[in-house]
All heavy atoms as atom14 arrays in JSON, in Angstrom:
{
  "sequence": "NGNGDPNIDTRKDCVSRNPVDVCIPFDYDAAMQIFRDKEDYELNWAMQ",
  "atom14_mask": [
    [1, 1, 1, 1, 1, 1, 1, 1, 0, 0, 0, 0, 0, 0],
    [1, 1, 1, 1, 0, 0, 0, 0, 0, 0, 0, 0, 0, 0],
    [1, 1, 1, 1, 1, 1, 1, 1, 0, 0, 0, 0, 0, 0],
    [1, 1, 1, 1, 0, 0, 0, 0, 0, 0, 0, 0, 0, 0],
    [1, 1, 1, 1, 1, 1, 1, 1, 0, 0, 0, 0, 0, 0],
    [1, 1, 1, 1, 1, 1, 1, 0, 0, 0, 0, 0, 0, 0],
    [1, 1, 1, 1, 1, 1, 1, 1, 0, 0, 0, 0, 0, 0],
    [1, 1, 1, 1, 1, 1, 1, 1, 0, 0, 0, 0, 0, 0],
    [1, 1, 1, 1, 1, 1, 1, 1, 0, 0, 0, 0, 0, 0],
    [1, 1, 1, 1, 1, 1, 1, 0, 0, 0, 0, 0, 0, 0],
    [1, 1, 1, 1, 1, 1, 1, 1, 1, 1, 1, 0, 0, 0],
    [1, 1, 1, 1, 1, 1, 1, 1, 1, 0, 0, 0, 0, 0],
    [1, 1, 1, 1, 1, 1, 1, 1, 0, 0, 0, 0, 0, 0],
    [1, 1, 1, 1, 1, 1, 0, 0, 0, 0, 0, 0, 0, 0],
    [1, 1, 1, 1, 1, 1, 1, 0, 0, 0, 0, 0, 0, 0],
    [1, 1, 1, 1, 1, 1, 0, 0, 0, 0, 0, 0, 0, 0],
    [1, 1, 1, 1, 1, 1, 1, 1, 1, 1, 1, 0, 0, 0],
    [1, 1, 1, 1, 1, 1, 1, 1, 0, 0, 0, 0, 0, 0],
    [1, 1, 1, 1, 1, 1, 1, 0, 0, 0, 0, 0, 0, 0],
    [1, 1, 1, 1, 1, 1, 1, 0, 0, 0, 0, 0, 0, 0],
    [1, 1, 1, 1, 1, 1, 1, 1, 0, 0, 0, 0, 0, 0],
    [1, 1, 1, 1, 1, 1, 1, 0, 0, 0, 0, 0, 0, 0],
    [1, 1, 1, 1, 1, 1, 0, 0, 0, 0, 0, 0, 0, 0],
    [1, 1, 1, 1, 1, 1, 1, 1, 0, 0, 0, 0, 0, 0],
    [1, 1, 1, 1, 1, 1, 1, 0, 0, 0, 0, 0, 0, 0],
    [1, 1, 1, 1, 1, 1, 1, 1, 1, 1, 1, 0, 0, 0],
    [1, 1, 1, 1, 1, 1, 1, 1, 0, 0, 0, 0, 0, 0],
    [1, 1, 1, 1, 1, 1, 1, 1, 1, 1, 1, 1, 0, 0],
    [1, 1, 1, 1, 1, 1, 1, 1, 0, 0, 0, 0, 0, 0],
    [1, 1, 1, 1, 1, 0, 0, 0, 0, 0, 0, 0, 0, 0],
    [1, 1, 1, 1, 1, 0, 0, 0, 0, 0, 0, 0, 0, 0],
    [1, 1, 1, 1, 1, 1, 1, 1, 0, 0, 0, 0, 0, 0],
    [1, 1, 1, 1, 1, 1, 1, 1, 1, 0, 0, 0, 0, 0],
    [1, 1, 1, 1, 1, 1, 1, 1, 0, 0, 0, 0, 0, 0],
    [1, 1, 1, 1, 1, 1, 1, 1, 1, 1, 1, 0, 0, 0],
    [1, 1, 1, 1, 1, 1, 1, 1, 1, 1, 1, 0, 0, 0],
    [1, 1, 1, 1, 1, 1, 1, 1, 0, 0, 0, 0, 0, 0],
    [1, 1, 1, 1, 1, 1, 1, 1, 1, 0, 0, 0, 0, 0],
    [1, 1, 1, 1, 1, 1, 1, 1, 1, 0, 0, 0, 0, 0],
    [1, 1, 1, 1, 1, 1, 1, 1, 0, 0, 0, 0, 0, 0],
    [1, 1, 1, 1, 1, 1, 1, 1, 1, 1, 1, 1, 0, 0],
    [1, 1, 1, 1, 1, 1, 1, 1, 1, 0, 0, 0, 0, 0],
    [1, 1, 1, 1, 1, 1, 1, 1, 0, 0, 0, 0, 0, 0],
    [1, 1, 1, 1, 1, 1, 1, 1, 0, 0, 0, 0, 0, 0],
    [1, 1, 1, 1, 1, 1, 1, 1, 1, 1, 1, 1, 1, 1],
    [1, 1, 1, 1, 1, 0, 0, 0, 0, 0, 0, 0, 0, 0],
    [1, 1, 1, 1, 1, 1, 1, 1, 0, 0, 0, 0, 0, 0],
    [1, 1, 1, 1, 1, 1, 1, 1, 1, 0, 0, 0, 0, 0]
  ],
  "atom14_positions": [
    [[-5.57, -11.21, 1.58], [-4.7, -10.56, 0.56], [-4.55, -9.08, 0.84], [-4.91, -8.63, 1.84], [-5.29, -10.85, -0.83], [-6.61, -10.05, -1.09], [-6.94, -9.12, -0.35], [-7.35, -10.57, -2.11], [0.0, 0.0, 0.0], [0.0, 0.0, 0.0], [0.0, 0.0, 0.0], [0.0, 0.0, 0.0], [0.0, 0.0, 0.0], [0.0, 0.0, 0.0]],
    [[-3.88, -8.39, -0.08], [-3.56, -6.98, 0.14], [-4.73, -6.07, 0.32], [-4.64, -5.0, 0.9], [0.0, 0.0, 0.0], [0.0, 0.0, 0.0], [0.0, 0.0, 0.0], [0.0, 0.0, 0.0], [0.0, 0.0, 0.0], [0.0, 0.0, 0.0], [0.0, 0.0, 0.0], [0.0, 0.0, 0.0], [0.0, 0.0, 0.0], [0.0, 0.0, 0.0]],
    [[-5.93, -6.53, -0.24], [-7.09, -5.74, -0.16], [-7.95, -6.16, 1.07], [-9.06, -5.65, 1.35], [-8.05, -6.01, -1.45], [-7.36, -5.4, -2.65], [-6.53, -4.56, -2.68], [-7.52, -6.2, -3.75], [0.0, 0.0, 0.0], [0.0, 0.0, 0.0], [0.0, 0.0, 0.0], [0.0, 0.0, 0.0], [0.0, 0.0, 0.0], [0.0, 0.0, 0.0]],
    [[-7.49, -6.98, 1.92], [-8.24, -7.46, 3.0], [-9.22, -8.67, 2.77], [-10.12, -8.98, 3.68], [0.0, 0.0, 0.0], [0.0, 0.0, 0.0], [0.0, 0.0, 0.0], [0.0, 0.0, 0.0], [0.0, 0.0, 0.0], [0.0, 0.0, 0.0], [0.0, 0.0, 0.0], [0.0, 0.0, 0.0], [0.0, 0.0, 0.0], [0.0, 0.0, 0.0]],
    [[-9.33, -9.05, 1.55], [-10.2, -10.2, 1.22], [-9.56, -11.61, 1.56], [-8.33, -11.76, 1.48], [-10.5, -10.17, -0.33], [-11.2, -8.91, -0.75], [-12.04, -8.41, 0.08], [-10.82, -8.46, -1.78], [0.0, 0.0, 0.0], [0.0, 0.0, 0.0], [0.0, 0.0, 0.0], [0.0, 0.0, 0.0], [0.0, 0.0, 0.0], [0.0, 0.0, 0.0]],
    [[-10.33, -12.59, 1.88], [-9.8, -13.92, 2.24], [-9.11, -14.57, 0.94], [-9.6, -14.4, -0.12], [-11.02, -14.74, 2.51], [-12.0, -13.76, 2.99], [-11.78, -12.58, 2.25], [0.0, 0.0, 0.0], [0.0, 0.0, 0.0], [0.0, 0.0, 0.0], [0.0, 0.0, 0.0], [0.0, 0.0, 0.0], [0.0, 0.0, 0.0], [0.0, 0.0, 0.0]],
    [[-7.89, -15.0, 1.15], [-7.02, -15.49, 0.15], [-6.97, -16.97, 0.33], [-6.22, -17.46, 1.17], [-5.65, -14.83, 0.12], [-4.87, -15.36, -1.06], [-5.35, -15.87, -1.93], [-3.62, -15.0, -1.04], [0.0, 0.0, 0.0], [0.0, 0.0, 0.0], [0.0, 0.0, 0.0], [0.0, 0.0, 0.0], [0.0, 0.0, 0.0], [0.0, 0.0, 0.0]],
    [[-7.88, -17.71, -0.19], [-8.03, -19.15, 0.08], [-7.56, -20.07, -0.91], [-6.92, -21.1, -0.72], [-9.57, -19.48, 0.41], [-10.08, -18.62, 1.64], [-9.78, -20.97, 0.68], [-11.54, -18.72, 1.74], [0.0, 0.0, 0.0], [0.0, 0.0, 0.0], [0.0, 0.0, 0.0], [0.0, 0.0, 0.0], [0.0, 0.0, 0.0], [0.0, 0.0, 0.0]],
    [[-7.86, -19.8, -2.24], [-7.55, -20.75, -3.23], [-7.52, -20.04, -4.63], [-7.88, -18.78, -4.71], [-8.79, -21.79, -3.38], [-8.26, -23.07, -3.83], [-7.55, -23.12, -4.8], [-8.81, -24.06, -3.29], [0.0, 0.0, 0.0], [0.0, 0.0, 0.0], [0.0, 0.0, 0.0], [0.0, 0.0, 0.0], [0.0, 0.0, 0.0], [0.0, 0.0, 0.0]],
    [[-6.96, -20.74, -5.57], [-6.92, -20.15, -7.01], [-8.42, -20.2, -7.46], [-9.25, -20.93, -6.95], [-6.04, -20.9, -7.8], [-6.41, -22.36, -7.84], [-4.6, -20.81, -7.37], [0.0, 0.0, 0.0], [0.0, 0.0, 0.0], [0.0, 0.0, 0.0], [0.0, 0.0, 0.0], [0.0, 0.0, 0.0], [0.0, 0.0, 0.0], [0.0, 0.0, 0.0]],
    [[-8.52, -19.67, -8.73], [-9.83, -19.92, -9.42], [-9.81, -21.19, -10.17], [-8.84, -21.99, -10.08], [-10.02, -18.64, -10.32], [-10.09, -17.33, -9.46], [-10.28, -16.18, -10.35], [-9.95, -15.07, -9.59], [-9.02, -14.13, -9.93], [-8.52, -14.13, -11.13], [-8.71, -13.14, -9.12], [0.0, 0.0, 0.0], [0.0, 0.0, 0.0], [0.0, 0.0, 0.0]],
    [[-10.87, -21.39, -11.07], [-10.92, -22.61, -11.74], [-9.8, -22.95, -12.56], [-9.42, -24.14, -12.94], [-12.17, -22.68, -12.52], [-13.46, -22.81, -11.74], [-14.72, -22.77, -12.55], [-16.02, -22.72, -11.71], [-17.21, -22.72, -12.6], [0.0, 0.0, 0.0], [0.0, 0.0, 0.0], [0.0, 0.0, 0.0], [0.0, 0.0, 0.0], [0.0, 0.0, 0.0]],
    [[-9.05, -21.96, -13.14], [-7.89, -22.02, -14.07], [-6.66, -22.61, -13.36], [-5.72, -22.97, -14.03], [-7.63, -20.82, -14.87], [-7.26, -19.61, -13.91], [-7.0, -19.82, -12.74], [-7.19, -18.52, -14.57], [0.0, 0.0, 0.0], [0.0, 0.0, 0.0], [0.0, 0.0, 0.0], [0.0, 0.0, 0.0], [0.0, 0.0, 0.0], [0.0, 0.0, 0.0]],
    [[-6.55, -22.54, -12.08], [-5.51, -23.02, -11.34], [-4.17, -22.36, -11.57], [-3.19, -22.85, -11.39], [-5.3, -24.53, -11.56], [-6.59, -25.51, -10.85], [0.0, 0.0, 0.0], [0.0, 0.0, 0.0], [0.0, 0.0, 0.0], [0.0, 0.0, 0.0], [0.0, 0.0, 0.0], [0.0, 0.0, 0.0], [0.0, 0.0, 0.0], [0.0, 0.0, 0.0]],
    [[-4.29, -21.09, -12.07], [-3.14, -20.22, -12.35], [-2.81, -19.5, -11.03], [-3.63, -18.86, -10.39], [-3.52, -19.18, -13.47], [-2.31, -18.23, -13.61], [-3.74, -19.9, -14.67], [0.0, 0.0, 0.0], [0.0, 0.0, 0.0], [0.0, 0.0, 0.0], [0.0, 0.0, 0.0], [0.0, 0.0, 0.0], [0.0, 0.0, 0.0], [0.0, 0.0, 0.0]],
    [[-1.45, -19.59, -10.63], [-0.97, -18.84, -9.45], [-1.17, -17.4, -9.61], [-0.96, -16.75, -10.62], [0.44, -19.12, -9.25], [0.86, -18.3, -8.2], [0.0, 0.0, 0.0], [0.0, 0.0, 0.0], [0.0, 0.0, 0.0], [0.0, 0.0, 0.0], [0.0, 0.0, 0.0], [0.0, 0.0, 0.0], [0.0, 0.0, 0.0], [0.0, 0.0, 0.0]],
    [[-1.78, -16.77, -8.57], [-2.02, -15.27, -8.44], [-0.78, -14.81, -7.54], [-0.71, -13.59, -7.31], [-3.27, -15.05, -7.79], [-4.56, -15.41, -8.55], [-4.53, -15.0, -9.98], [-5.77, -15.23, -10.64], [-6.09, -16.32, -11.38], [-5.31, -17.31, -11.48], [-7.23, -16.52, -12.04], [0.0, 0.0, 0.0], [0.0, 0.0, 0.0], [0.0, 0.0, 0.0]],
    [[0.09, -15.7, -7.09], [1.19, -15.22, -6.17], [2.5, -15.86, -6.74], [3.09, -16.87, -6.24], [0.98, -15.99, -4.82], [-0.43, -15.29, -4.14], [-0.61, -14.2, -4.09], [-1.12, -16.31, -3.7], [0.0, 0.0, 0.0], [0.0, 0.0, 0.0], [0.0, 0.0, 0.0], [0.0, 0.0, 0.0], [0.0, 0.0, 0.0], [0.0, 0.0, 0.0]],
    [[2.96, -15.31, -7.96], [4.24, -15.88, -8.43], [5.47, -15.45, -7.56], [5.49, -14.57, -6.89], [4.28, -15.18, -9.86], [3.5, -13.92, -9.59], [2.43, -14.18, -8.72], [0.0, 0.0, 0.0], [0.0, 0.0, 0.0], [0.0, 0.0, 0.0], [0.0, 0.0, 0.0], [0.0, 0.0, 0.0], [0.0, 0.0, 0.0], [0.0, 0.0, 0.0]],
    [[6.47, -16.35, -7.66], [7.71, -16.0, -6.98], [8.44, -14.98, -7.84], [8.35, -14.82, -9.08], [8.66, -17.32, -6.79], [7.95, -18.3, -5.94], [8.99, -17.82, -8.16], [0.0, 0.0, 0.0], [0.0, 0.0, 0.0], [0.0, 0.0, 0.0], [0.0, 0.0, 0.0], [0.0, 0.0, 0.0], [0.0, 0.0, 0.0], [0.0, 0.0, 0.0]],
    [[9.24, -14.12, -6.99], [10.15, -13.1, -7.72], [11.41, -13.77, -8.29], [11.94, -13.51, -9.21], [10.47, -12.03, -6.86], [9.29, -11.3, -6.19], [8.39, -10.91, -7.05], [9.05, -11.14, -4.99], [0.0, 0.0, 0.0], [0.0, 0.0, 0.0], [0.0, 0.0, 0.0], [0.0, 0.0, 0.0], [0.0, 0.0, 0.0], [0.0, 0.0, 0.0]],
    [[11.98, -14.74, -7.53], [13.19, -15.45, -7.86], [12.86, -16.94, -7.74], [12.5, -17.44, -6.67], [14.31, -15.04, -6.83], [15.56, -15.79, -7.24], [14.55, -13.55, -6.89], [0.0, 0.0, 0.0], [0.0, 0.0, 0.0], [0.0, 0.0, 0.0], [0.0, 0.0, 0.0], [0.0, 0.0, 0.0], [0.0, 0.0, 0.0], [0.0, 0.0, 0.0]],
    [[13.14, -17.62, -8.8], [12.9, -19.14, -8.79], [14.31, -19.69, -8.25], [15.21, -19.5, -8.89], [12.63, -19.51, -10.18], [12.12, -21.28, -10.22], [0.0, 0.0, 0.0], [0.0, 0.0, 0.0], [0.0, 0.0, 0.0], [0.0, 0.0, 0.0], [0.0, 0.0, 0.0], [0.0, 0.0, 0.0], [0.0, 0.0, 0.0], [0.0, 0.0, 0.0]],
    [[14.07, -20.6, -7.24], [15.2, -21.26, -6.68], [15.52, -22.44, -7.73], [14.76, -23.24, -8.0], [14.97, -21.92, -5.3], [14.67, -20.74, -4.3], [16.11, -22.77, -4.82], [14.23, -21.12, -3.0], [0.0, 0.0, 0.0], [0.0, 0.0, 0.0], [0.0, 0.0, 0.0], [0.0, 0.0, 0.0], [0.0, 0.0, 0.0], [0.0, 0.0, 0.0]],
    [[16.77, -22.48, -8.15], [17.23, -23.61, -9.13], [17.08, -24.97, -8.55], [17.42, -25.06, -7.43], [18.57, -23.22, -9.54], [19.17, -22.33, -8.47], [18.01, -21.71, -7.89], [0.0, 0.0, 0.0], [0.0, 0.0, 0.0], [0.0, 0.0, 0.0], [0.0, 0.0, 0.0], [0.0, 0.0, 0.0], [0.0, 0.0, 0.0], [0.0, 0.0, 0.0]],
    [[16.55, -25.9, -9.32], [16.41, -27.18, -8.78], [16.97, -28.23, -9.83], [16.57, -28.2, -11.08], [14.93, -27.6, -8.59], [14.66, -28.88, -7.89], [14.95, -29.09, -6.55], [14.21, -30.02, -8.59], [14.72, -30.28, -5.95], [13.96, -31.13, -7.99], [14.23, -31.42, -6.64], [0.0, 0.0, 0.0], [0.0, 0.0, 0.0], [0.0, 0.0, 0.0]],
    [[17.96, -29.01, -9.47], [18.58, -29.85, -10.33], [19.03, -31.11, -9.47], [18.48, -31.4, -8.35], [19.89, -29.33, -10.92], [20.82, -28.76, -9.87], [20.74, -29.13, -8.68], [21.8, -28.02, -10.31], [0.0, 0.0, 0.0], [0.0, 0.0, 0.0], [0.0, 0.0, 0.0], [0.0, 0.0, 0.0], [0.0, 0.0, 0.0], [0.0, 0.0, 0.0]],
    [[19.77, -32.03, -10.1], [20.06, -33.33, -9.4], [20.77, -33.02, -8.07], [20.44, -33.66, -7.12], [21.03, -34.1, -10.37], [21.59, -35.39, -9.7], [20.73, -36.62, -9.78], [22.7, -35.5, -9.11], [21.2, -37.76, -9.28], [23.15, -36.62, -8.47], [22.35, -37.75, -8.58], [22.87, -39.01, -7.98], [0.0, 0.0, 0.0], [0.0, 0.0, 0.0]],
    [[21.68, -32.1, -8.13], [22.44, -31.84, -6.74], [21.41, -31.39, -5.64], [21.62, -31.66, -4.54], [23.52, -30.76, -7.03], [24.62, -31.53, -7.85], [24.91, -32.65, -7.76], [25.26, -30.6, -8.66], [0.0, 0.0, 0.0], [0.0, 0.0, 0.0], [0.0, 0.0, 0.0], [0.0, 0.0, 0.0], [0.0, 0.0, 0.0], [0.0, 0.0, 0.0]],
    [[20.43, -30.59, -6.07], [19.48, -30.01, -5.19], [18.61, -31.1, -4.6], [18.49, -31.19, -3.42], [18.55, -28.97, -5.86], [0.0, 0.0, 0.0], [0.0, 0.0, 0.0], [0.0, 0.0, 0.0], [0.0, 0.0, 0.0], [0.0, 0.0, 0.0], [0.0, 0.0, 0.0], [0.0, 0.0, 0.0], [0.0, 0.0, 0.0], [0.0, 0.0, 0.0]],
    [[18.3, -32.0, -5.48], [17.46, -33.11, -5.07], [18.22, -34.11, -4.15], [17.66, -34.45, -3.13], [17.03, -33.99, -6.2], [0.0, 0.0, 0.0], [0.0, 0.0, 0.0], [0.0, 0.0, 0.0], [0.0, 0.0, 0.0], [0.0, 0.0, 0.0], [0.0, 0.0, 0.0], [0.0, 0.0, 0.0], [0.0, 0.0, 0.0], [0.0, 0.0, 0.0]],
    [[19.55, -34.26, -4.36], [20.37, -35.07, -3.48], [20.51, -34.37, -2.07], [20.45, -35.05, -1.06], [21.61, -35.26, -4.07], [21.57, -36.33, -5.26], [21.11, -37.91, -4.89], [19.39, -37.84, -5.39], [0.0, 0.0, 0.0], [0.0, 0.0, 0.0], [0.0, 0.0, 0.0], [0.0, 0.0, 0.0], [0.0, 0.0, 0.0], [0.0, 0.0, 0.0]],
    [[20.62, -33.07, -2.07], [20.77, -32.41, -0.83], [19.48, -32.58, 0.05], [19.52, -32.66, 1.22], [20.99, -30.91, -1.1], [22.4, -30.58, -1.56], [22.67, -29.16, -1.77], [22.19, -28.29, -1.12], [23.33, -28.88, -2.93], [0.0, 0.0, 0.0], [0.0, 0.0, 0.0], [0.0, 0.0, 0.0], [0.0, 0.0, 0.0], [0.0, 0.0, 0.0]],
    [[18.28, -32.41, -0.68], [17.08, -32.57, 0.01], [16.75, -34.01, 0.51], [16.48, -34.27, 1.6], [15.83, -32.09, -0.94], [16.07, -30.58, -1.21], [14.53, -32.43, -0.29], [15.08, -30.12, -2.34], [0.0, 0.0, 0.0], [0.0, 0.0, 0.0], [0.0, 0.0, 0.0], [0.0, 0.0, 0.0], [0.0, 0.0, 0.0], [0.0, 0.0, 0.0]],
    [[16.81, -35.04, -0.37], [16.43, -36.37, -0.12], [17.5, -37.26, 0.45], [17.23, -38.02, 1.26], [15.73, -36.91, -1.33], [14.49, -36.19, -1.92], [14.58, -35.52, -2.97], [13.34, -36.31, -1.09], [13.48, -34.68, -3.27], [12.15, -35.57, -1.45], [12.2, -34.82, -2.6], [0.0, 0.0, 0.0], [0.0, 0.0, 0.0], [0.0, 0.0, 0.0]],
    [[18.7, -37.15, -0.04], [19.73, -37.94, 0.49], [20.39, -37.42, 1.76], [20.41, -38.17, 2.66], [20.76, -38.21, -0.6], [21.97, -39.12, -0.16], [23.11, -39.07, -1.14], [23.68, -37.64, -1.21], [24.33, -37.17, -2.23], [24.46, -37.88, -3.3], [24.73, -35.92, -2.12], [0.0, 0.0, 0.0], [0.0, 0.0, 0.0], [0.0, 0.0, 0.0]],
    [[20.76, -36.14, 1.64], [21.4, -35.5, 2.76], [20.56, -34.94, 3.83], [21.09, -34.52, 4.9], [22.34, -34.37, 2.17], [23.3, -34.98, 1.12], [23.71, -36.2, 1.18], [23.8, -34.12, 0.4], [0.0, 0.0, 0.0], [0.0, 0.0, 0.0], [0.0, 0.0, 0.0], [0.0, 0.0, 0.0], [0.0, 0.0, 0.0], [0.0, 0.0, 0.0]],
    [[19.22, -34.88, 3.53], [18.22, -34.34, 4.54], [18.58, -32.9, 4.87], [18.25, -32.51, 6.04], [18.22, -35.26, 5.8], [17.92, -36.71, 5.44], [16.55, -36.97, 4.9], [16.31, -38.4, 4.81], [15.48, -38.88, 3.67], [0.0, 0.0, 0.0], [0.0, 0.0, 0.0], [0.0, 0.0, 0.0], [0.0, 0.0, 0.0], [0.0, 0.0, 0.0]],
    [[19.03, -32.11, 3.91], [19.37, -30.65, 4.12], [18.09, -29.8, 3.73], [17.27, -30.24, 3.05], [20.49, -30.28, 3.32], [21.82, -30.87, 3.74], [22.99, -30.33, 2.96], [22.82, -29.32, 2.28], [24.01, -31.04, 2.89], [0.0, 0.0, 0.0], [0.0, 0.0, 0.0], [0.0, 0.0, 0.0], [0.0, 0.0, 0.0], [0.0, 0.0, 0.0]],
    [[18.03, -28.7, 4.45], [16.88, -27.7, 4.08], [17.44, -26.86, 2.87], [18.0, -25.72, 3.11], [16.58, -26.87, 5.3], [15.29, -26.11, 5.08], [15.05, -25.78, 3.89], [14.65, -25.74, 6.15], [0.0, 0.0, 0.0], [0.0, 0.0, 0.0], [0.0, 0.0, 0.0], [0.0, 0.0, 0.0], [0.0, 0.0, 0.0], [0.0, 0.0, 0.0]],
    [[17.42, -27.39, 1.7], [17.93, -26.79, 0.53], [17.45, -25.38, 0.36], [18.2, -24.41, -0.03], [17.74, -27.68, -0.75], [18.08, -27.08, -2.03], [19.37, -27.04, -2.32], [17.2, -26.6, -2.86], [19.7, -26.36, -3.58], [17.47, -25.97, -4.03], [18.88, -25.93, -4.46], [19.18, -25.24, -5.56], [0.0, 0.0, 0.0], [0.0, 0.0, 0.0]],
    [[16.04, -25.22, 0.46], [15.65, -23.85, 0.22], [16.04, -22.82, 1.26], [16.35, -21.68, 0.89], [14.04, -23.95, 0.24], [13.49, -24.69, -0.9], [12.0, -24.89, -0.82], [11.53, -25.85, -0.03], [11.23, -24.14, -1.44], [0.0, 0.0, 0.0], [0.0, 0.0, 0.0], [0.0, 0.0, 0.0], [0.0, 0.0, 0.0], [0.0, 0.0, 0.0]],
    [[16.08, -23.23, 2.49], [16.57, -22.29, 3.54], [18.03, -22.03, 3.29], [18.38, -20.8, 3.34], [16.41, -22.87, 4.91], [16.9, -22.01, 6.14], [16.16, -20.67, 6.13], [16.79, -22.67, 7.43], [0.0, 0.0, 0.0], [0.0, 0.0, 0.0], [0.0, 0.0, 0.0], [0.0, 0.0, 0.0], [0.0, 0.0, 0.0], [0.0, 0.0, 0.0]],
    [[18.87, -23.04, 3.01], [20.35, -22.75, 2.67], [20.52, -21.77, 1.53], [21.34, -20.87, 1.45], [21.14, -24.05, 2.43], [21.21, -24.87, 3.69], [21.09, -24.33, 4.87], [21.34, -26.19, 3.47], [0.0, 0.0, 0.0], [0.0, 0.0, 0.0], [0.0, 0.0, 0.0], [0.0, 0.0, 0.0], [0.0, 0.0, 0.0], [0.0, 0.0, 0.0]],
    [[19.6, -22.13, 0.48], [19.86, -21.31, -0.79], [19.35, -19.77, -0.41], [20.03, -18.85, -0.82], [18.84, -21.67, -1.86], [18.92, -20.97, -3.17], [19.66, -21.3, -4.19], [18.12, -19.7, -3.46], [19.57, -20.26, -5.13], [18.61, -19.41, -4.66], [17.15, -19.0, -2.82], [18.08, -18.21, -5.31], [16.74, -17.88, -3.33], [17.1, -17.41, -4.6]],
    [[18.2, -19.52, 0.35], [17.79, -18.23, 0.69], [18.86, -17.56, 1.61], [19.07, -16.33, 1.34], [16.49, -18.38, 1.54], [0.0, 0.0, 0.0], [0.0, 0.0, 0.0], [0.0, 0.0, 0.0], [0.0, 0.0, 0.0], [0.0, 0.0, 0.0], [0.0, 0.0, 0.0], [0.0, 0.0, 0.0], [0.0, 0.0, 0.0], [0.0, 0.0, 0.0]],
    [[19.48, -18.16, 2.48], [20.55, -17.59, 3.37], [21.71, -17.03, 2.49], [22.19, -16.03, 2.57], [21.11, -18.53, 4.46], [20.01, -18.74, 5.37], [20.38, -20.12, 6.61], [22.05, -19.69, 7.11], [0.0, 0.0, 0.0], [0.0, 0.0, 0.0], [0.0, 0.0, 0.0], [0.0, 0.0, 0.0], [0.0, 0.0, 0.0], [0.0, 0.0, 0.0]],
    [[22.11, -18.0, 1.44], [23.17, -17.61, 0.46], [22.7, -16.37, -0.32], [23.41, -15.47, -0.64], [23.54, -18.74, -0.33], [24.75, -18.48, -1.37], [26.01, -18.03, -0.71], [26.21, -18.61, 0.5], [26.71, -17.1, -1.16], [0.0, 0.0, 0.0], [0.0, 0.0, 0.0], [0.0, 0.0, 0.0], [0.0, 0.0, 0.0], [0.0, 0.0, 0.0]]
  ]
}
């Protein structure tokens, strides 16, 4: 991690200590792009 300590796992509460800054939207069309069309939806979204 930023302090040089091993970053292995969350604590017992399972709360993320590494939240995303921007949540990529996920809906029916996104699921179809991933599973039906075999597209890299996240990479395409990030490029846009």
